[in-house]
Amino acid sequence: MGIQVEFNPDLALRDYKEFLKGARKEDECIPERIISGKIYTFLKKGLRNYWLMGELPLVRTEGNQKLSRPLASIRILEVTHFLLNSEEYTKGKYQIIAAFDEKDPAIRFENLTRIK
């Protein structure tokens, strides 16, 4: 038996509509308004590892690795693993560095390097 840990090159959260429907907690979703400079909290099921030394993309997920284009460049400030009802979770804080227009075709990241 091993320990399942996922390494994530981005922060993938659900659409805010999932919170409004009651299907997800608010911290599992993209904020209703993405504001540069603001700090938000996130919640993900499972043990997740994130890069803390630079910027990474905030993306919307529909599940099964169906991801949007980057919605923002973020910096993860804090990550904690914990148990909730005997299930493993990861929670943390992230700061919006720059918000993007999802419809803009400009390339924003190349691997973990943000293109400005």
N, C-alpha and C. Protein backbone atom coordinates (compact mmCIF):
# COMPACT_ATOMS: atom_id res chain seq x y z
N MET A 1 0.84 -1.18 0.00
CA MET A 1 0.00 0.00 0.00
C MET A 1 0.89 1.24 0.00
N GLY A 2 0.56 2.19 -0.82
CA GLY A 2 1.34 3.42 -0.90
C GLY A 2 0.51 4.62 -0.51
N ILE A 3 1.15 5.76 -0.57
CA ILE A 3 0.48 7.03 -0.29
C ILE A 3 0.25 7.72 -1.62
N GLN A 4 -1.00 7.99 -1.95
CA GLN A 4 -1.30 8.65 -3.21
C GLN A 4 -1.20 10.16 -3.04
N VAL A 5 -0.29 10.75 -3.81
CA VAL A 5 -0.06 12.19 -3.80
C VAL A 5 -0.07 12.68 -5.24
N GLU A 6 -0.73 13.79 -5.49
CA GLU A 6 -0.79 14.35 -6.84
C GLU A 6 0.02 15.65 -6.87
N PHE A 7 0.83 15.81 -7.91
CA PHE A 7 1.58 17.04 -8.13
C PHE A 7 0.83 17.85 -9.18
N ASN A 8 0.43 19.05 -8.84
CA ASN A 8 -0.38 19.87 -9.74
C ASN A 8 0.38 21.09 -10.24
N PRO A 9 0.48 21.27 -11.58
CA PRO A 9 1.17 22.43 -12.14
C PRO A 9 0.27 23.66 -12.24
N ASP A 10 -0.98 23.53 -11.80
CA ASP A 10 -1.95 24.63 -11.84
C ASP A 10 -2.91 24.43 -10.67
N LEU A 11 -3.75 25.42 -10.44
CA LEU A 11 -4.82 25.27 -9.45
C LEU A 11 -6.12 25.20 -10.24
N ALA A 12 -6.72 24.01 -10.26
CA ALA A 12 -7.95 23.77 -11.03
C ALA A 12 -9.14 23.70 -10.07
N LEU A 13 -10.03 24.67 -10.20
CA LEU A 13 -11.22 24.75 -9.36
C LEU A 13 -12.47 24.70 -10.23
N ARG A 14 -13.60 24.39 -9.62
CA ARG A 14 -14.87 24.30 -10.33
C ARG A 14 -15.46 25.68 -10.60
N ASP A 15 -16.41 25.73 -11.51
CA ASP A 15 -17.12 26.97 -11.81
C ASP A 15 -17.92 27.40 -10.59
N TYR A 16 -18.04 28.70 -10.37
CA TYR A 16 -18.75 29.25 -9.22
C TYR A 16 -20.22 28.81 -9.19
N LYS A 17 -20.77 28.50 -10.36
CA LYS A 17 -22.16 28.04 -10.45
C LYS A 17 -22.37 26.75 -9.64
N GLU A 18 -21.32 25.94 -9.52
CA GLU A 18 -21.41 24.70 -8.74
C GLU A 18 -21.67 25.00 -7.26
N PHE A 19 -21.10 26.09 -6.76
CA PHE A 19 -21.37 26.52 -5.39
C PHE A 19 -22.81 27.03 -5.27
N LEU A 20 -23.23 27.84 -6.23
CA LEU A 20 -24.58 28.39 -6.19
C LEU A 20 -25.65 27.29 -6.23
N LYS A 21 -25.35 26.19 -6.93
CA LYS A 21 -26.28 25.06 -7.01
C LYS A 21 -26.24 24.20 -5.74
N GLY A 22 -25.22 24.42 -4.90
CA GLY A 22 -25.07 23.60 -3.69
C GLY A 22 -24.30 22.32 -3.92
N ALA A 23 -23.70 22.17 -5.11
CA ALA A 23 -22.97 20.95 -5.45
C ALA A 23 -21.53 20.95 -4.91
N ARG A 24 -20.98 22.14 -4.64
CA ARG A 24 -19.60 22.27 -4.16
C ARG A 24 -19.52 23.32 -3.07
N LYS A 25 -18.48 23.21 -2.24
CA LYS A 25 -18.20 24.27 -1.27
C LYS A 25 -17.61 25.46 -2.02
N GLU A 26 -17.76 26.65 -1.46
CA GLU A 26 -17.27 27.86 -2.14
C GLU A 26 -15.78 27.80 -2.41
N ASP A 27 -14.99 27.25 -1.47
CA ASP A 27 -13.54 27.18 -1.65
C ASP A 27 -13.11 26.18 -2.72
N GLU A 28 -14.04 25.35 -3.19
CA GLU A 28 -13.73 24.41 -4.27
C GLU A 28 -13.93 25.05 -5.65
N CYS A 29 -14.38 26.30 -5.65
CA CYS A 29 -14.78 26.97 -6.90
C CYS A 29 -13.95 28.22 -7.18
N ILE A 30 -13.90 28.57 -8.47
CA ILE A 30 -13.30 29.83 -8.92
C ILE A 30 -14.09 30.95 -8.24
N PRO A 31 -13.44 31.99 -7.75
CA PRO A 31 -14.19 33.10 -7.16
C PRO A 31 -15.17 33.71 -8.16
N GLU A 32 -16.26 34.24 -7.65
CA GLU A 32 -17.25 34.88 -8.52
C GLU A 32 -16.62 36.06 -9.26
N ARG A 33 -15.77 36.81 -8.57
CA ARG A 33 -15.01 37.91 -9.19
C ARG A 33 -13.54 37.70 -8.90
N ILE A 34 -12.73 37.62 -9.93
CA ILE A 34 -11.28 37.46 -9.78
C ILE A 34 -10.67 38.87 -9.75
N ILE A 35 -10.10 39.23 -8.61
CA ILE A 35 -9.58 40.58 -8.41
C ILE A 35 -8.07 40.51 -8.17
N SER A 36 -7.30 41.20 -9.02
CA SER A 36 -5.84 41.21 -8.86
C SER A 36 -5.45 41.70 -7.47
N GLY A 37 -4.51 41.01 -6.87
CA GLY A 37 -4.01 41.37 -5.55
C GLY A 37 -4.75 40.72 -4.40
N LYS A 38 -5.97 40.26 -4.65
CA LYS A 38 -6.78 39.68 -3.57
C LYS A 38 -6.32 38.26 -3.24
N ILE A 39 -6.45 37.90 -1.97
CA ILE A 39 -6.10 36.56 -1.50
C ILE A 39 -7.39 35.77 -1.29
N TYR A 40 -7.40 34.55 -1.83
CA TYR A 40 -8.56 33.65 -1.74
C TYR A 40 -8.11 32.34 -1.10
N THR A 41 -9.08 31.54 -0.65
CA THR A 41 -8.78 30.22 -0.12
C THR A 41 -9.28 29.17 -1.11
N PHE A 42 -8.65 27.98 -1.06
CA PHE A 42 -9.08 26.88 -1.92
C PHE A 42 -9.16 25.59 -1.12
N LEU A 43 -9.91 24.64 -1.66
CA LEU A 43 -10.08 23.32 -1.06
C LEU A 43 -10.11 22.29 -2.18
N LYS A 44 -9.28 21.26 -2.05
CA LYS A 44 -9.23 20.18 -3.04
C LYS A 44 -9.24 18.85 -2.29
N LYS A 45 -9.96 17.88 -2.83
CA LYS A 45 -9.96 16.54 -2.25
C LYS A 45 -8.65 15.84 -2.62
N GLY A 46 -8.09 15.10 -1.69
CA GLY A 46 -6.85 14.37 -1.92
C GLY A 46 -5.64 15.17 -1.47
N LEU A 47 -4.50 14.50 -1.50
CA LEU A 47 -3.23 15.13 -1.13
C LEU A 47 -2.63 15.74 -2.38
N ARG A 48 -2.49 17.05 -2.40
CA ARG A 48 -1.99 17.78 -3.57
C ARG A 48 -0.71 18.51 -3.20
N ASN A 49 0.23 18.53 -4.12
CA ASN A 49 1.46 19.32 -3.97
C ASN A 49 1.47 20.38 -5.05
N TYR A 50 1.78 21.61 -4.65
CA TYR A 50 1.83 22.75 -5.57
C TYR A 50 3.19 23.42 -5.47
N TRP A 51 3.60 24.04 -6.57
CA TRP A 51 4.84 24.81 -6.61
C TRP A 51 4.59 26.13 -5.89
N LEU A 52 5.44 26.47 -4.94
CA LEU A 52 5.26 27.67 -4.12
C LEU A 52 6.22 28.80 -4.49
N MET A 53 7.14 28.56 -5.40
CA MET A 53 8.21 29.52 -5.65
C MET A 53 7.97 30.45 -6.83
N GLY A 54 6.77 30.47 -7.38
CA GLY A 54 6.50 31.35 -8.51
C GLY A 54 5.03 31.34 -8.86
N GLU A 55 4.74 31.87 -10.04
CA GLU A 55 3.35 31.98 -10.49
C GLU A 55 2.91 30.71 -11.23
N LEU A 56 1.64 30.39 -11.09
CA LEU A 56 1.06 29.29 -11.84
C LEU A 56 -0.36 29.66 -12.25
N PRO A 57 -0.93 28.95 -13.23
CA PRO A 57 -2.25 29.31 -13.73
C PRO A 57 -3.38 28.85 -12.82
N LEU A 58 -4.40 29.68 -12.73
CA LEU A 58 -5.69 29.32 -12.14
C LEU A 58 -6.59 28.95 -13.30
N VAL A 59 -7.13 27.73 -13.28
CA VAL A 59 -7.99 27.25 -14.37
C VAL A 59 -9.29 26.70 -13.80
N ARG A 60 -10.30 26.64 -14.66
CA ARG A 60 -11.59 26.05 -14.30
C ARG A 60 -11.57 24.60 -14.77
N THR A 61 -12.07 23.70 -13.93
CA THR A 61 -12.17 22.30 -14.32
C THR A 61 -13.62 21.84 -14.33
N GLU A 62 -13.91 20.97 -15.26
CA GLU A 62 -15.21 20.30 -15.32
C GLU A 62 -15.07 18.88 -14.78
N GLY A 63 -13.86 18.52 -14.36
CA GLY A 63 -13.55 17.15 -13.94
C GLY A 63 -12.92 16.39 -15.09
N ASN A 64 -12.31 15.24 -14.78
CA ASN A 64 -11.67 14.38 -15.78
C ASN A 64 -10.65 15.14 -16.62
N GLN A 65 -9.90 16.02 -16.02
CA GLN A 65 -8.85 16.82 -16.66
C GLN A 65 -9.36 17.70 -17.80
N LYS A 66 -10.62 18.09 -17.79
CA LYS A 66 -11.15 19.05 -18.76
C LYS A 66 -10.95 20.43 -18.17
N LEU A 67 -9.94 21.14 -18.68
CA LEU A 67 -9.53 22.42 -18.10
C LEU A 67 -9.74 23.58 -19.06
N SER A 68 -10.02 24.75 -18.51
CA SER A 68 -10.14 25.98 -19.29
C SER A 68 -8.75 26.53 -19.58
N ARG A 69 -8.71 27.56 -20.39
CA ARG A 69 -7.48 28.33 -20.54
C ARG A 69 -7.23 29.05 -19.22
N PRO A 70 -6.02 29.53 -18.94
CA PRO A 70 -5.77 30.23 -17.68
C PRO A 70 -6.69 31.44 -17.48
N LEU A 71 -7.30 31.52 -16.32
CA LEU A 71 -8.16 32.64 -15.95
C LEU A 71 -7.38 33.71 -15.21
N ALA A 72 -6.26 33.29 -14.59
CA ALA A 72 -5.43 34.22 -13.84
C ALA A 72 -4.08 33.58 -13.58
N SER A 73 -3.12 34.44 -13.27
CA SER A 73 -1.84 33.99 -12.76
C SER A 73 -1.90 34.16 -11.25
N ILE A 74 -1.53 33.10 -10.52
CA ILE A 74 -1.63 33.15 -9.06
C ILE A 74 -0.31 32.75 -8.42
N ARG A 75 -0.21 33.06 -7.16
CA ARG A 75 0.89 32.57 -6.34
C ARG A 75 0.25 31.88 -5.14
N ILE A 76 0.60 30.61 -4.95
CA ILE A 76 0.09 29.87 -3.79
C ILE A 76 0.92 30.29 -2.58
N LEU A 77 0.23 30.72 -1.53
CA LEU A 77 0.89 31.25 -0.34
C LEU A 77 0.99 30.23 0.78
N GLU A 78 0.05 29.30 0.81
CA GLU A 78 -0.02 28.37 1.94
C GLU A 78 -0.77 27.12 1.52
N VAL A 79 -0.30 25.96 1.98
CA VAL A 79 -0.95 24.69 1.69
C VAL A 79 -0.94 23.83 2.95
N THR A 80 -2.07 23.20 3.25
CA THR A 80 -2.19 22.32 4.41
C THR A 80 -2.95 21.06 4.01
N HIS A 81 -2.45 19.91 4.44
CA HIS A 81 -3.17 18.65 4.26
C HIS A 81 -3.89 18.33 5.57
N PHE A 82 -5.11 17.80 5.45
CA PHE A 82 -5.86 17.46 6.67
C PHE A 82 -6.90 16.38 6.37
N LEU A 83 -7.47 15.81 7.42
CA LEU A 83 -8.53 14.82 7.30
C LEU A 83 -9.87 15.44 7.64
N LEU A 84 -10.88 15.10 6.84
CA LEU A 84 -12.25 15.52 7.09
C LEU A 84 -13.12 14.29 6.88
N ASN A 85 -13.78 13.84 7.93
CA ASN A 85 -14.60 12.62 7.85
C ASN A 85 -13.80 11.46 7.27
N SER A 86 -12.57 11.29 7.73
CA SER A 86 -11.67 10.21 7.33
C SER A 86 -11.24 10.27 5.86
N GLU A 87 -11.41 11.44 5.22
CA GLU A 87 -10.94 11.63 3.84
C GLU A 87 -9.85 12.70 3.82
N GLU A 88 -8.87 12.50 2.94
CA GLU A 88 -7.76 13.45 2.84
C GLU A 88 -8.15 14.64 1.96
N TYR A 89 -7.76 15.82 2.41
CA TYR A 89 -8.02 17.06 1.68
C TYR A 89 -6.78 17.94 1.71
N THR A 90 -6.73 18.87 0.76
CA THR A 90 -5.71 19.91 0.73
C THR A 90 -6.42 21.25 0.70
N LYS A 91 -6.01 22.16 1.57
CA LYS A 91 -6.57 23.51 1.56
C LYS A 91 -5.41 24.49 1.55
N GLY A 92 -5.71 25.72 1.16
CA GLY A 92 -4.65 26.70 1.14
C GLY A 92 -5.15 28.08 0.78
N LYS A 93 -4.17 28.97 0.59
CA LYS A 93 -4.45 30.35 0.20
C LYS A 93 -3.64 30.66 -1.05
N TYR A 94 -4.24 31.47 -1.92
CA TYR A 94 -3.54 31.92 -3.12
C TYR A 94 -3.87 33.38 -3.38
N GLN A 95 -2.94 34.06 -4.03
CA GLN A 95 -3.12 35.47 -4.36
C GLN A 95 -3.17 35.61 -5.87
N ILE A 96 -4.11 36.43 -6.34
CA ILE A 96 -4.21 36.71 -7.77
C ILE A 96 -3.12 37.72 -8.14
N ILE A 97 -2.25 37.36 -9.06
CA ILE A 97 -1.20 38.25 -9.54
C ILE A 97 -1.73 39.07 -10.71
N ALA A 98 -2.41 38.39 -11.64
CA ALA A 98 -3.00 39.07 -12.81
C ALA A 98 -4.19 38.25 -13.29
N ALA A 99 -5.29 38.91 -13.58
CA ALA A 99 -6.48 38.26 -14.13
C ALA A 99 -6.42 38.34 -15.65
N PHE A 100 -6.91 37.30 -16.33
CA PHE A 100 -6.88 37.23 -17.79
C PHE A 100 -8.30 37.15 -18.35
N ASP A 101 -8.43 37.57 -19.59
CA ASP A 101 -9.67 37.38 -20.33
C ASP A 101 -9.61 35.98 -20.94
N GLU A 102 -10.52 35.13 -20.53
CA GLU A 102 -10.51 33.73 -20.97
C GLU A 102 -10.62 33.60 -22.49
N LYS A 103 -11.24 34.56 -23.13
CA LYS A 103 -11.44 34.49 -24.59
C LYS A 103 -10.23 35.02 -25.38
N ASP A 104 -9.29 35.68 -24.68
CA ASP A 104 -8.10 36.20 -25.34
C ASP A 104 -7.19 35.02 -25.71
N PRO A 105 -6.83 34.87 -26.99
CA PRO A 105 -6.04 33.71 -27.41
C PRO A 105 -4.55 33.79 -27.03
N ALA A 106 -4.13 34.87 -26.40
CA ALA A 106 -2.71 35.02 -26.05
C ALA A 106 -2.25 33.87 -25.15
N ILE A 107 -1.05 33.41 -25.37
CA ILE A 107 -0.45 32.36 -24.53
C ILE A 107 0.08 33.03 -23.27
N ARG A 108 -0.31 32.52 -22.11
CA ARG A 108 0.03 33.14 -20.82
C ARG A 108 1.13 32.40 -20.07
N PHE A 109 1.28 31.10 -20.34
CA PHE A 109 2.29 30.30 -19.64
C PHE A 109 2.97 29.37 -20.62
N GLU A 110 4.24 29.13 -20.39
CA GLU A 110 4.99 28.09 -21.09
C GLU A 110 5.59 27.23 -19.99
N ASN A 111 5.03 26.04 -19.81
CA ASN A 111 5.33 25.20 -18.65
C ASN A 111 5.01 26.01 -17.40
N LEU A 112 5.95 26.20 -16.49
CA LEU A 112 5.68 26.99 -15.28
C LEU A 112 6.20 28.42 -15.39
N THR A 113 6.51 28.86 -16.60
CA THR A 113 6.99 30.22 -16.78
C THR A 113 5.86 31.09 -17.33
N ARG A 114 5.53 32.17 -16.61
CA ARG A 114 4.49 33.06 -17.09
C ARG A 114 5.06 33.96 -18.18
N ILE A 115 4.33 34.12 -19.26
CA ILE A 115 4.73 35.00 -20.35
C ILE A 115 3.99 36.31 -20.15
N LYS A 116 4.74 37.40 -20.05
CA LYS A 116 4.14 38.70 -19.77
C LYS A 116 4.05 39.53 -21.02
